[in-house]
Amino acid sequence: MTTEKTAVEKLSPLILQRADPHIYRHSDGYYYFTASVPQYDRIEIRRATTIAGLAEAAPKDVWTKPDSGAYSELLWAPELHFNEGAWYVYFAAAPSRDIKDDLFQHRMYCVRNQNANPLEGEWEFMGQIDTGIDTFCLDATTFTHKGQLYYLWAQKDKEIRGNSNLYIAPMSNPWTIAGKPVMLSKPEYDWEIERFWVNEGPSVVKRNGRIFITYSASGTGIEYAMGLLWADENADLLDPASWTKSKEPVLQSCLEHGIYGPGHNSFTVSEDGEGVMLVYHARTYTEIIGDPLWNPDRHTFVKPLRWDEQGMPVFGRPSIA
C-alpha cells in the first residue's frame, strides 16, 4: 500500500544569488522579475513569457543608486508593481552602511516608469514614501482591494522590542500614504525572535474569500521562516482585529533536503492562469562565514502553492514542488 509519492521532486533554484525575489505577471503576457542583487547597488528587471524563461532572460539595470545622499547605500528588496497605469518599483535604501541604535538607517522610496514596457522608457525618482514614523523601515509592497490601493511594509517602533513590525495604510496615489499606519503584527512567538526580533517582507495573495499576508521572521540564517496572517475579504483591513495570525511558521528550513532559511516571498500566477506560485529565497548550505546578510547565496525558488479543504494555503516544505 502506498501512502506517499514514491518519488520526491526536489526543487532547484530558479535564479542564483537573487534574494527577496518578486515576480509579477502583467496583462501583456510577460512575467517580470526583480530582486536584491548581492552588491545592493541597483535595481534590475528581467522578463520572459514563462517563469522558467526568467532564468535565462537578460537582466537590465533600470536604476542605480547615487554616489551619496539619503538613499545611496544598501538598496534592498525592490518590488515591481503596475499601479494606476504606470510601473513603480518600491525599495528601501540607507545613507550609509552605519548602524545606529542597533539598526541600519533605511527609509523607503519609489521610482516610476510610464512606458508600457518597464525595460524601456525613463525611470523617475518619486521620492521617499513617508509613513509619518521616522525610523528604520523596509520591504514595502502594494495591493488593491475593492478599489483601494494599500501600502504594506515593515518598520521599527521605538516602544516595541525588535527590529520591525508589520504595518498597513491606504494610499492616495501610488507614492503617497493617505492614512495613519496600522500595526498588524509584531515579533512575539519563539520562532519570530531567533537571533533577531523581526517581522518583515510581507506579501499578499487573495483567494477563497480571504486576504492572506505572508511575512518573514527572525534572523536571515537557517532560522529565517515564514508566517501568515489572514482576514475575510469583506472585513475592515485597517482594523487589527480583522486579522488572524498563525502561531506557527508556515514555511521553514528543510534539513532533510538541504534548503535553509526560506523567506521574503512573493506570489505570482501560474502559467495556466489558475494557480498561485510561491516565490521565495533560500540557501543551500549553512556554513556561512560572518553575517548572513552579506552572504550572496540566497537563491530564488518557485513552487506551486497548494490549498486545503478549508481554503487555507498549504506551503509544504521549501525543497519539494
C-alpha atoms as a PDB file:
ATOM      1  CA  MET A   1       0.000   0.000   0.000  1.00  0.00           C
ATOM      2  CA  THR A   2       1.378   3.391  -0.984  1.00  0.00           C
ATOM      3  CA  THR A   3       0.588   6.369   1.233  1.00  0.00           C
ATOM      4  CA  GLU A   4       3.112   8.836  -0.200  1.00  0.00           C
ATOM      5  CA  LYS A   5       4.584   9.662  -3.556  1.00  0.00           C
ATOM      6  CA  THR A   6       7.283   7.175  -4.477  1.00  0.00           C
ATOM      7  CA  ALA A   7       9.455   9.941  -5.866  1.00  0.00           C
ATOM      8  CA  VAL A   8      10.091  13.344  -4.374  1.00  0.00           C
ATOM      9  CA  GLU A   9      10.551  16.198  -6.797  1.00  0.00           C
ATOM     10  CA  LYS A  10      13.299  18.295  -5.269  1.00  0.00           C
ATOM     11  CA  LEU A  11      13.477  21.880  -6.362  1.00  0.00           C
ATOM     12  CA  SER A  12      16.492  23.571  -7.885  1.00  0.00           C
ATOM     13  CA  PRO A  13      16.926  27.335  -7.693  1.00  0.00           C
ATOM     14  CA  LEU A  14      15.299  29.280 -10.490  1.00  0.00           C
ATOM     15  CA  ILE A  15      17.803  32.131 -10.306  1.00  0.00           C
ATOM     16  CA  LEU A  16      21.071  32.099  -8.374  1.00  0.00           C
ATOM     17  CA  GLN A  17      22.118  34.828  -5.935  1.00  0.00           C
ATOM     18  CA  ARG A  18      18.913  36.811  -6.021  1.00  0.00           C
ATOM     19  CA  ALA A  19      17.337  37.455  -2.635  1.00  0.00           C
ATOM     20  CA  ASP A  20      13.944  38.999  -1.832  1.00  0.00           C
ATOM     21  CA  PRO A  21      12.549  37.867  -5.194  1.00  0.00           C
ATOM     22  CA  HIS A  22       9.465  39.423  -6.727  1.00  0.00           C
ATOM     23  CA  ILE A  23       7.716  38.029  -9.821  1.00  0.00           C
ATOM     24  CA  TYR A  24       4.733  39.793 -11.372  1.00  0.00           C
ATOM     25  CA  ARG A  25       2.707  38.603 -14.365  1.00  0.00           C
ATOM     26  CA  HIS A  26       1.354  41.533 -16.331  1.00  0.00           C
ATOM     27  CA  SER A  27      -1.559  41.773 -18.768  1.00  0.00           C
ATOM     28  CA  ASP A  28       0.949  41.854 -21.661  1.00  0.00           C
ATOM     29  CA  GLY A  29       1.658  38.152 -21.057  1.00  0.00           C
ATOM     30  CA  TYR A  30       5.131  38.644 -19.589  1.00  0.00           C
ATOM     31  CA  TYR A  31       6.473  37.666 -16.203  1.00  0.00           C
ATOM     32  CA  TYR A  32       8.636  40.412 -14.687  1.00  0.00           C
ATOM     33  CA  PHE A  33      11.325  39.678 -12.106  1.00  0.00           C
ATOM     34  CA  THR A  34      13.303  41.861  -9.750  1.00  0.00           C
ATOM     35  CA  ALA A  35      15.195  41.138  -6.532  1.00  0.00           C
ATOM     36  CA  SER A  36      18.024  42.315  -4.305  1.00  0.00           C
ATOM     37  CA  VAL A  37      21.374  41.969  -6.069  1.00  0.00           C
ATOM     38  CA  PRO A  38      24.357  40.944  -3.886  1.00  0.00           C
ATOM     39  CA  GLN A  39      26.014  44.351  -4.328  1.00  0.00           C
ATOM     40  CA  TYR A  40      22.861  46.172  -3.106  1.00  0.00           C
ATOM     41  CA  ASP A  41      23.634  48.971  -5.566  1.00  0.00           C
ATOM     42  CA  ARG A  42      20.952  48.899  -8.279  1.00  0.00           C
ATOM     43  CA  ILE A  43      17.541  47.789  -9.474  1.00  0.00           C
ATOM     44  CA  GLU A  44      17.468  45.228 -12.250  1.00  0.00           C
ATOM     45  CA  ILE A  45      14.473  43.856 -14.118  1.00  0.00           C
ATOM     46  CA  ARG A  46      14.134  40.913 -16.456  1.00  0.00           C
ATOM     47  CA  ARG A  47      11.106  39.498 -18.255  1.00  0.00           C
ATOM     48  CA  ALA A  48      10.018  36.327 -20.044  1.00  0.00           C
ATOM     49  CA  THR A  49       6.814  34.698 -21.238  1.00  0.00           C
ATOM     50  CA  THR A  50       7.316  31.792 -18.811  1.00  0.00           C
ATOM     51  CA  ILE A  51       8.566  31.546 -15.259  1.00  0.00           C
ATOM     52  CA  ALA A  52      11.335  29.165 -16.313  1.00  0.00           C
ATOM     53  CA  GLY A  53      12.345  31.626 -19.011  1.00  0.00           C
ATOM     54  CA  LEU A  54      13.248  34.207 -16.378  1.00  0.00           C
ATOM     55  CA  ALA A  55      16.336  32.166 -15.548  1.00  0.00           C
ATOM     56  CA  GLU A  56      17.861  32.860 -18.965  1.00  0.00           C
ATOM     57  CA  ALA A  57      16.382  36.292 -19.571  1.00  0.00           C
ATOM     58  CA  ALA A  58      18.923  39.100 -19.710  1.00  0.00           C
ATOM     59  CA  PRO A  59      18.580  41.436 -16.714  1.00  0.00           C
ATOM     60  CA  LYS A  60      18.523  45.155 -17.394  1.00  0.00           C
ATOM     61  CA  ASP A  61      19.734  47.686 -14.843  1.00  0.00           C
ATOM     62  CA  VAL A  62      16.962  50.298 -14.738  1.00  0.00           C
ATOM     63  CA  TRP A  63      18.060  52.414 -11.771  1.00  0.00           C
ATOM     64  CA  THR A  64      21.367  52.787  -9.943  1.00  0.00           C
ATOM     65  CA  LYS A  65      21.898  54.326  -6.537  1.00  0.00           C
ATOM     66  CA  PRO A  66      23.568  57.763  -6.364  1.00  0.00           C
ATOM     67  CA  ASP A  67      27.091  58.098  -5.004  1.00  0.00           C
ATOM     68  CA  SER A  68      25.950  59.968  -1.902  1.00  0.00           C
ATOM     69  CA  GLY A  69      22.828  61.081  -0.103  1.00  0.00           C
ATOM     70  CA  ALA A  70      19.901  59.625   1.817  1.00  0.00           C
ATOM     71  CA  TYR A  71      19.396  56.633  -0.494  1.00  0.00           C
ATOM     72  CA  SER A  72      22.951  55.971  -1.654  1.00  0.00           C
ATOM     73  CA  GLU A  73      23.670  52.669   0.126  1.00  0.00           C
ATOM     74  CA  LEU A  74      22.235  49.186   0.667  1.00  0.00           C
ATOM     75  CA  LEU A  75      19.380  49.156  -1.814  1.00  0.00           C
ATOM     76  CA  TRP A  76      17.172  46.338  -0.551  1.00  0.00           C
ATOM     77  CA  ALA A  77      14.157  44.337  -1.678  1.00  0.00           C
ATOM     78  CA  PRO A  78      12.854  46.125  -4.795  1.00  0.00           C
ATOM     79  CA  GLU A  79       9.338  45.200  -5.877  1.00  0.00           C
ATOM     80  CA  LEU A  80       7.847  45.978  -9.294  1.00  0.00           C
ATOM     81  CA  HIS A  81       4.139  46.875  -9.375  1.00  0.00           C
ATOM     82  CA  PHE A  82       1.806  48.243 -12.026  1.00  0.00           C
ATOM     83  CA  ASN A  83      -0.383  50.759 -10.187  1.00  0.00           C
ATOM     84  CA  GLU A  84      -2.854  53.202 -11.730  1.00  0.00           C
ATOM     85  CA  GLY A  85      -1.443  52.959 -15.236  1.00  0.00           C
ATOM     86  CA  ALA A  86       2.294  53.146 -14.532  1.00  0.00           C
ATOM     87  CA  TRP A  87       5.137  50.977 -13.306  1.00  0.00           C
ATOM     88  CA  TYR A  88       6.535  51.535  -9.827  1.00  0.00           C
ATOM     89  CA  VAL A  89       9.492  49.971  -8.055  1.00  0.00           C
ATOM     90  CA  TYR A  90       9.324  50.238  -4.276  1.00  0.00           C
ATOM     91  CA  PHE A  91      12.598  49.752  -2.406  1.00  0.00           C
ATOM     92  CA  ALA A  92      14.499  50.648   0.749  1.00  0.00           C
ATOM     93  CA  ALA A  93      17.896  52.342   0.931  1.00  0.00           C
ATOM     94  CA  ALA A  94      20.157  53.967   3.511  1.00  0.00           C
ATOM     95  CA  PRO A  95      22.503  56.983   3.608  1.00  0.00           C
ATOM     96  CA  SER A  96      25.435  54.787   4.699  1.00  0.00           C
ATOM     97  CA  ARG A  97      26.285  51.345   5.991  1.00  0.00           C
ATOM     98  CA  ASP A  98      26.470  52.655   9.542  1.00  0.00           C
ATOM     99  CA  ILE A  99      24.421  51.018  12.260  1.00  0.00           C
ATOM    100  CA  LYS A 100      22.796  53.371  14.770  1.00  0.00           C
ATOM    101  CA  ASP A 101      20.751  52.244  17.762  1.00  0.00           C
ATOM    102  CA  ASP A 102      21.420  48.630  16.666  1.00  0.00           C
ATOM    103  CA  LEU A 103      19.827  49.167  13.231  1.00  0.00           C
ATOM    104  CA  PHE A 104      20.653  50.285   9.726  1.00  0.00           C
ATOM    105  CA  GLN A 105      19.140  53.610   8.673  1.00  0.00           C
ATOM    106  CA  HIS A 106      16.879  52.545   5.806  1.00  0.00           C
ATOM    107  CA  ARG A 107      13.904  54.510   4.587  1.00  0.00           C
ATOM    108  CA  MET A 108      11.509  53.617   1.758  1.00  0.00           C
ATOM    109  CA  TYR A 109      11.428  55.119  -1.750  1.00  0.00           C
ATOM    110  CA  CYS A 110       9.928  54.525  -5.173  1.00  0.00           C
ATOM    111  CA  VAL A 111      10.676  55.184  -8.823  1.00  0.00           C
ATOM    112  CA  ARG A 112       8.150  55.351 -11.686  1.00  0.00           C
ATOM    113  CA  ASN A 113       8.145  54.454 -15.378  1.00  0.00           C
ATOM    114  CA  GLN A 114       5.153  55.407 -17.537  1.00  0.00           C
ATOM    115  CA  ASN A 115       6.298  53.375 -20.557  1.00  0.00           C
ATOM    116  CA  ALA A 116       4.266  50.274 -21.425  1.00  0.00           C
ATOM    117  CA  ASN A 117       7.449  48.198 -21.146  1.00  0.00           C
ATOM    118  CA  PRO A 118       9.375  48.846 -17.899  1.00  0.00           C
ATOM    119  CA  LEU A 119      12.624  47.729 -19.545  1.00  0.00           C
ATOM    120  CA  GLU A 120      12.285  50.773 -21.808  1.00  0.00           C
ATOM    121  CA  GLY A 121      11.489  54.413 -21.142  1.00  0.00           C
ATOM    122  CA  GLU A 122      12.720  56.569 -18.288  1.00  0.00           C
ATOM    123  CA  TRP A 123      12.540  55.905 -14.576  1.00  0.00           C
ATOM    124  CA  GLU A 124      11.573  58.923 -12.483  1.00  0.00           C
ATOM    125  CA  PHE A 125      12.529  59.169  -8.809  1.00  0.00           C
ATOM    126  CA  MET A 126       9.297  59.846  -6.904  1.00  0.00           C
ATOM    127  CA  GLY A 127      10.904  60.375  -3.516  1.00  0.00           C
ATOM    128  CA  GLN A 128      10.519  58.890  -0.074  1.00  0.00           C
ATOM    129  CA  ILE A 129       7.366  57.080   0.988  1.00  0.00           C
ATOM    130  CA  ASP A 130       6.733  58.929   4.229  1.00  0.00           C
ATOM    131  CA  THR A 131       4.854  56.840   6.802  1.00  0.00           C
ATOM    132  CA  GLY A 132       4.821  59.565   9.427  1.00  0.00           C
ATOM    133  CA  ILE A 133       7.213  57.495  11.551  1.00  0.00           C
ATOM    134  CA  ASP A 134      10.871  58.447  11.212  1.00  0.00           C
ATOM    135  CA  THR A 135      12.505  55.092  11.945  1.00  0.00           C
ATOM    136  CA  PHE A 136      14.128  52.157  10.153  1.00  0.00           C
ATOM    137  CA  CYS A 137      11.687  50.773   7.562  1.00  0.00           C
ATOM    138  CA  LEU A 138      11.789  48.490   4.539  1.00  0.00           C
ATOM    139  CA  ASP A 139      10.140  45.752   2.466  1.00  0.00           C
ATOM    140  CA  ALA A 140       7.168  47.646   1.056  1.00  0.00           C
ATOM    141  CA  THR A 141       4.558  46.006  -1.123  1.00  0.00           C
ATOM    142  CA  THR A 142       1.244  47.265  -2.506  1.00  0.00           C
ATOM    143  CA  PHE A 143      -2.093  45.672  -3.313  1.00  0.00           C
ATOM    144  CA  THR A 144      -5.529  46.852  -4.388  1.00  0.00           C
ATOM    145  CA  HIS A 145      -8.747  45.657  -2.751  1.00  0.00           C
ATOM    146  CA  LYS A 146     -12.234  46.933  -3.568  1.00  0.00           C
ATOM    147  CA  GLY A 147     -10.762  49.846  -5.475  1.00  0.00           C
ATOM    148  CA  GLN A 148      -8.450  50.987  -2.681  1.00  0.00           C
ATOM    149  CA  LEU A 149      -4.672  50.860  -3.027  1.00  0.00           C
ATOM    150  CA  TYR A 150      -2.887  49.761   0.161  1.00  0.00           C
ATOM    151  CA  TYR A 151       0.723  50.041   1.282  1.00  0.00           C
ATOM    152  CA  LEU A 152       2.109  47.217   3.431  1.00  0.00           C
ATOM    153  CA  TRP A 153       5.594  47.283   4.986  1.00  0.00           C
ATOM    154  CA  ALA A 154       7.926  46.637   7.946  1.00  0.00           C
ATOM    155  CA  GLN A 155       9.065  49.345  10.372  1.00  0.00           C
ATOM    156  CA  LYS A 156      10.670  49.883  13.758  1.00  0.00           C
ATOM    157  CA  ASP A 157       8.598  51.191  16.682  1.00  0.00           C
ATOM    158  CA  LYS A 158      10.868  52.609  19.347  1.00  0.00           C
ATOM    159  CA  GLU A 159       8.425  51.480  22.043  1.00  0.00           C
ATOM    160  CA  ILE A 160       8.334  47.838  20.881  1.00  0.00           C
ATOM    161  CA  ARG A 161      11.215  45.415  21.230  1.00  0.00           C
ATOM    162  CA  GLY A 162      12.743  44.253  17.962  1.00  0.00           C
ATOM    163  CA  ASN A 163      13.821  45.404  14.529  1.00  0.00           C
ATOM    164  CA  SER A 164      10.471  45.730  12.772  1.00  0.00           C
ATOM    165  CA  ASN A 165       6.721  45.151  12.874  1.00  0.00           C
ATOM    166  CA  LEU A 166       4.203  44.927  10.022  1.00  0.00           C
ATOM    167  CA  TYR A 167       2.088  47.958   9.099  1.00  0.00           C
ATOM    168  CA  ILE A 168      -0.674  48.753   6.621  1.00  0.00           C
ATOM    169  CA  ALA A 169      -2.089  52.080   5.363  1.00  0.00           C
ATOM    170  CA  PRO A 170      -4.275  53.278   2.482  1.00  0.00           C
ATOM    171  CA  MET A 171      -2.693  55.273  -0.328  1.00  0.00           C
ATOM    172  CA  SER A 172      -3.984  58.420  -2.045  1.00  0.00           C
ATOM    173  CA  ASN A 173      -1.738  57.683  -5.037  1.00  0.00           C
ATOM    174  CA  PRO A 174       0.996  55.102  -5.701  1.00  0.00           C
ATOM    175  CA  TRP A 175       3.663  57.144  -3.911  1.00  0.00           C
ATOM    176  CA  THR A 176       1.709  58.704  -1.026  1.00  0.00           C
ATOM    177  CA  ILE A 177       0.224  57.198   2.140  1.00  0.00           C
ATOM    178  CA  ALA A 178      -3.202  58.636   2.932  1.00  0.00           C
ATOM    179  CA  GLY A 179      -3.823  57.478   6.475  1.00  0.00           C
ATOM    180  CA  LYS A 180      -2.190  56.670   9.765  1.00  0.00           C
ATOM    181  CA  PRO A 181      -0.191  53.414   9.779  1.00  0.00           C
ATOM    182  CA  VAL A 182      -1.901  50.481  11.492  1.00  0.00           C
ATOM    183  CA  MET A 183       0.247  47.756  13.060  1.00  0.00           C
ATOM    184  CA  LEU A 184      -0.893  44.237  12.128  1.00  0.00           C
ATOM    185  CA  SER A 185       1.844  42.076  13.649  1.00  0.00           C
ATOM    186  CA  LYS A 186       4.933  42.232  15.829  1.00  0.00           C
ATOM    187  CA  PRO A 187       7.555  39.596  16.766  1.00  0.00           C
ATOM    188  CA  GLU A 188       6.183  37.610  19.675  1.00  0.00           C
ATOM    189  CA  TYR A 189       6.431  33.848  19.154  1.00  0.00           C
ATOM    190  CA  ASP A 190       9.643  31.899  19.738  1.00  0.00           C
ATOM    191  CA  TRP A 191      10.153  31.242  16.010  1.00  0.00           C
ATOM    192  CA  GLU A 192       9.891  35.000  15.270  1.00  0.00           C
ATOM    193  CA  ILE A 193      12.651  36.058  17.671  1.00  0.00           C
ATOM    194  CA  GLU A 194      15.585  33.764  16.877  1.00  0.00           C
ATOM    195  CA  ARG A 195      18.753  35.891  16.730  1.00  0.00           C
ATOM    196  CA  PHE A 196      16.670  38.987  15.907  1.00  0.00           C
ATOM    197  CA  TRP A 197      13.129  40.045  16.752  1.00  0.00           C
ATOM    198  CA  VAL A 198      11.763  40.602  13.237  1.00  0.00           C
ATOM    199  CA  ASN A 199       8.570  40.696  11.189  1.00  0.00           C
ATOM    200  CA  GLU A 200       9.362  41.773   7.608  1.00  0.00           C
ATOM    201  CA  GLY A 201       8.914  41.025   3.908  1.00  0.00           C
ATOM    202  CA  PRO A 202       5.085  40.992   3.685  1.00  0.00           C
ATOM    203  CA  SER A 203       3.335  39.749   0.558  1.00  0.00           C
ATOM    204  CA  VAL A 204      -0.356  39.421  -0.317  1.00  0.00           C
ATOM    205  CA  VAL A 205      -2.444  36.779  -2.050  1.00  0.00           C
ATOM    206  CA  LYS A 206      -6.246  36.814  -2.310  1.00  0.00           C
ATOM    207  CA  ARG A 207      -8.228  33.605  -2.664  1.00  0.00           C
ATOM    208  CA  ASN A 208     -11.212  31.715  -1.268  1.00  0.00           C
ATOM    209  CA  GLY A 209     -12.853  34.775   0.207  1.00  0.00           C
ATOM    210  CA  ARG A 210      -9.826  35.747   2.257  1.00  0.00           C
ATOM    211  CA  ILE A 211      -6.828  38.024   2.048  1.00  0.00           C
ATOM    212  CA  PHE A 212      -3.586  36.362   3.137  1.00  0.00           C
ATOM    213  CA  ILE A 213      -0.395  38.139   4.176  1.00  0.00           C
ATOM    214  CA  THR A 214       2.791  36.144   4.421  1.00  0.00           C
ATOM    215  CA  TYR A 215       5.826  37.587   6.165  1.00  0.00           C
ATOM    216  CA  SER A 216       9.286  36.531   7.323  1.00  0.00           C
ATOM    217  CA  ALA A 217      10.707  36.445  10.833  1.00  0.00           C
ATOM    218  CA  SER A 218      13.904  36.043  12.882  1.00  0.00           C
ATOM    219  CA  GLY A 219      17.477  36.411  11.586  1.00  0.00           C
ATOM    220  CA  THR A 220      18.481  35.821   7.971  1.00  0.00           C
ATOM    221  CA  GLY A 221      20.278  32.498   8.542  1.00  0.00           C
ATOM    222  CA  ILE A 222      18.862  28.993   8.972  1.00  0.00           C
ATOM    223  CA  GLU A 223      16.385  30.418  11.499  1.00  0.00           C
ATOM    224  CA  TYR A 224      14.582  32.555   8.885  1.00  0.00           C
ATOM    225  CA  ALA A 225      10.983  31.364   8.448  1.00  0.00           C
ATOM    226  CA  MET A 226       7.620  32.487   7.103  1.00  0.00           C
ATOM    227  CA  GLY A 227       4.430  33.312   8.970  1.00  0.00           C
ATOM    228  CA  LEU A 228       0.843  34.007   7.928  1.00  0.00           C
ATOM    229  CA  LEU A 229      -1.947  36.497   8.652  1.00  0.00           C
ATOM    230  CA  TRP A 230      -5.422  36.359   7.139  1.00  0.00           C
ATOM    231  CA  ALA A 231      -8.663  38.321   7.069  1.00  0.00           C
ATOM    232  CA  ASP A 232     -12.079  37.963   5.487  1.00  0.00           C
ATOM    233  CA  GLU A 233     -12.257  39.805   2.173  1.00  0.00           C
ATOM    234  CA  ASN A 234     -15.203  41.880   3.458  1.00  0.00           C
ATOM    235  CA  ALA A 235     -13.512  42.868   6.714  1.00  0.00           C
ATOM    236  CA  ASP A 236     -12.023  46.257   7.537  1.00  0.00           C
ATOM    237  CA  LEU A 237      -8.404  45.681   6.581  1.00  0.00           C
ATOM    238  CA  LEU A 238      -7.328  48.672   8.692  1.00  0.00           C
ATOM    239  CA  ASP A 239      -8.700  47.086  11.867  1.00  0.00           C
ATOM    240  CA  PRO A 240      -6.092  44.830  13.512  1.00  0.00           C
ATOM    241  CA  ALA A 241      -8.951  42.781  14.977  1.00  0.00           C
ATOM    242  CA  SER A 242      -9.880  41.680  11.437  1.00  0.00           C
ATOM    243  CA  TRP A 243      -6.665  39.695  11.149  1.00  0.00           C
ATOM    244  CA  THR A 244      -5.809  36.234  12.476  1.00  0.00           C
ATOM    245  CA  LYS A 245      -2.164  35.281  12.973  1.00  0.00           C
ATOM    246  CA  SER A 246      -0.771  31.759  12.791  1.00  0.00           C
ATOM    247  CA  LYS A 247       1.086  30.790  15.957  1.00  0.00           C
ATOM    248  CA  GLU A 248       3.390  28.504  13.972  1.00  0.00           C
ATOM    249  CA  PRO A 249       5.569  29.154  10.909  1.00  0.00           C
ATOM    250  CA  VAL A 250       4.116  28.065   7.579  1.00  0.00           C
ATOM    251  CA  LEU A 251       7.471  27.565   5.830  1.00  0.00           C
ATOM    252  CA  GLN A 252      10.847  26.897   7.437  1.00  0.00           C
ATOM    253  CA  SER A 253      14.222  25.261   6.804  1.00  0.00           C
ATOM    254  CA  CYS A 254      14.146  21.709   5.480  1.00  0.00           C
ATOM    255  CA  LEU A 255      17.236  19.972   6.846  1.00  0.00           C
ATOM    256  CA  GLU A 256      16.336  16.700   5.119  1.00  0.00           C
ATOM    257  CA  HIS A 257      16.669  18.198   1.653  1.00  0.00           C
ATOM    258  CA  GLY A 258      19.160  20.962   2.378  1.00  0.00           C
ATOM    259  CA  ILE A 259      17.120  24.130   1.859  1.00  0.00           C
ATOM    260  CA  TYR A 260      17.729  26.703   4.581  1.00  0.00           C
ATOM    261  CA  GLY A 261      16.182  29.993   5.673  1.00  0.00           C
ATOM    262  CA  PRO A 262      13.257  30.219   3.221  1.00  0.00           C
ATOM    263  CA  GLY A 263      11.544  33.572   3.215  1.00  0.00           C
ATOM    264  CA  HIS A 264      10.946  37.053   1.870  1.00  0.00           C
ATOM    265  CA  ASN A 265       8.463  35.670  -0.602  1.00  0.00           C
ATOM    266  CA  SER A 266       6.121  36.980  -3.240  1.00  0.00           C
ATOM    267  CA  PHE A 267       3.286  35.375  -5.178  1.00  0.00           C
ATOM    268  CA  THR A 268       2.603  35.127  -8.881  1.00  0.00           C
ATOM    269  CA  VAL A 269       0.047  33.390 -11.061  1.00  0.00           C
ATOM    270  CA  SER A 270       0.756  30.052 -12.733  1.00  0.00           C
ATOM    271  CA  GLU A 271       1.079  29.911 -16.496  1.00  0.00           C
ATOM    272  CA  ASP A 272      -2.412  28.447 -16.901  1.00  0.00           C
ATOM    273  CA  GLY A 273      -3.785  31.460 -15.068  1.00  0.00           C
ATOM    274  CA  GLU A 274      -5.464  29.327 -12.425  1.00  0.00           C
ATOM    275  CA  GLY A 275      -2.913  28.523  -9.755  1.00  0.00           C
ATOM    276  CA  VAL A 276      -0.762  30.518  -7.357  1.00  0.00           C
ATOM    277  CA  MET A 277       3.019  30.180  -7.401  1.00  0.00           C
ATOM    278  CA  LEU A 278       5.088  30.800  -4.279  1.00  0.00           C
ATOM    279  CA  VAL A 279       8.313  32.716  -4.935  1.00  0.00           C
ATOM    280  CA  TYR A 280      10.925  32.861  -2.165  1.00  0.00           C
ATOM    281  CA  HIS A 281      14.631  32.844  -1.461  1.00  0.00           C
ATOM    282  CA  ALA A 282      16.662  30.256   0.443  1.00  0.00           C
ATOM    283  CA  ARG A 283      20.203  28.972   0.843  1.00  0.00           C
ATOM    284  CA  THR A 284      21.512  25.503   0.068  1.00  0.00           C
ATOM    285  CA  TYR A 285      24.164  25.377   2.818  1.00  0.00           C
ATOM    286  CA  THR A 286      24.601  26.553   6.395  1.00  0.00           C
ATOM    287  CA  GLU A 287      28.359  27.145   6.666  1.00  0.00           C
ATOM    288  CA  ILE A 288      28.156  30.930   6.402  1.00  0.00           C
ATOM    289  CA  ILE A 289      31.194  32.987   7.359  1.00  0.00           C
ATOM    290  CA  GLY A 290      30.291  36.226   9.112  1.00  0.00           C
ATOM    291  CA  ASP A 291      26.922  37.963   8.997  1.00  0.00           C
ATOM    292  CA  PRO A 292      24.437  36.050   6.782  1.00  0.00           C
ATOM    293  CA  LEU A 293      23.257  39.393   5.395  1.00  0.00           C
ATOM    294  CA  TRP A 294      26.466  39.701   3.365  1.00  0.00           C
ATOM    295  CA  ASN A 295      26.406  36.163   2.053  1.00  0.00           C
ATOM    296  CA  PRO A 296      25.365  36.285  -1.643  1.00  0.00           C
ATOM    297  CA  ASP A 297      23.984  32.755  -1.889  1.00  0.00           C
ATOM    298  CA  ARG A 298      20.326  33.369  -1.231  1.00  0.00           C
ATOM    299  CA  HIS A 299      18.753  31.907  -4.364  1.00  0.00           C
ATOM    300  CA  THR A 300      15.295  32.358  -5.902  1.00  0.00           C
ATOM    301  CA  PHE A 301      12.993  29.336  -5.749  1.00  0.00           C
ATOM    302  CA  VAL A 302       9.468  28.889  -7.146  1.00  0.00           C
ATOM    303  CA  LYS A 303       6.910  26.202  -6.276  1.00  0.00           C
ATOM    304  CA  PRO A 304       3.126  25.779  -6.536  1.00  0.00           C
ATOM    305  CA  LEU A 305       1.071  26.867  -3.556  1.00  0.00           C
ATOM    306  CA  ARG A 306      -1.483  24.260  -2.502  1.00  0.00           C
ATOM    307  CA  TRP A 307      -4.841  24.741  -0.743  1.00  0.00           C
ATOM    308  CA  ASP A 308      -6.667  22.622   1.806  1.00  0.00           C
ATOM    309  CA  GLU A 309     -10.387  21.827   2.026  1.00  0.00           C
ATOM    310  CA  GLN A 310     -10.960  24.856   4.260  1.00  0.00           C
ATOM    311  CA  GLY A 311      -9.482  27.170   1.623  1.00  0.00           C
ATOM    312  CA  MET A 312      -6.263  27.794   3.528  1.00  0.00           C
ATOM    313  CA  PRO A 313      -2.854  27.830   1.802  1.00  0.00           C
ATOM    314  CA  VAL A 314      -0.583  24.811   2.229  1.00  0.00           C
ATOM    315  CA  PHE A 315       3.083  25.768   1.904  1.00  0.00           C
ATOM    316  CA  GLY A 316       4.621  22.336   2.491  1.00  0.00           C
ATOM    317  CA  ARG A 317       8.396  22.177   2.589  1.00  0.00           C
ATOM    318  CA  PRO A 318      10.676  24.567   0.674  1.00  0.00           C
ATOM    319  CA  SER A 319      12.549  21.797  -1.105  1.00  0.00           C
ATOM    320  CA  ILE A 320       9.584  19.964  -2.631  1.00  0.00           C
ATOM    321  CA  ALA A 321       7.438  21.096  -5.555  1.00  0.00           C
END
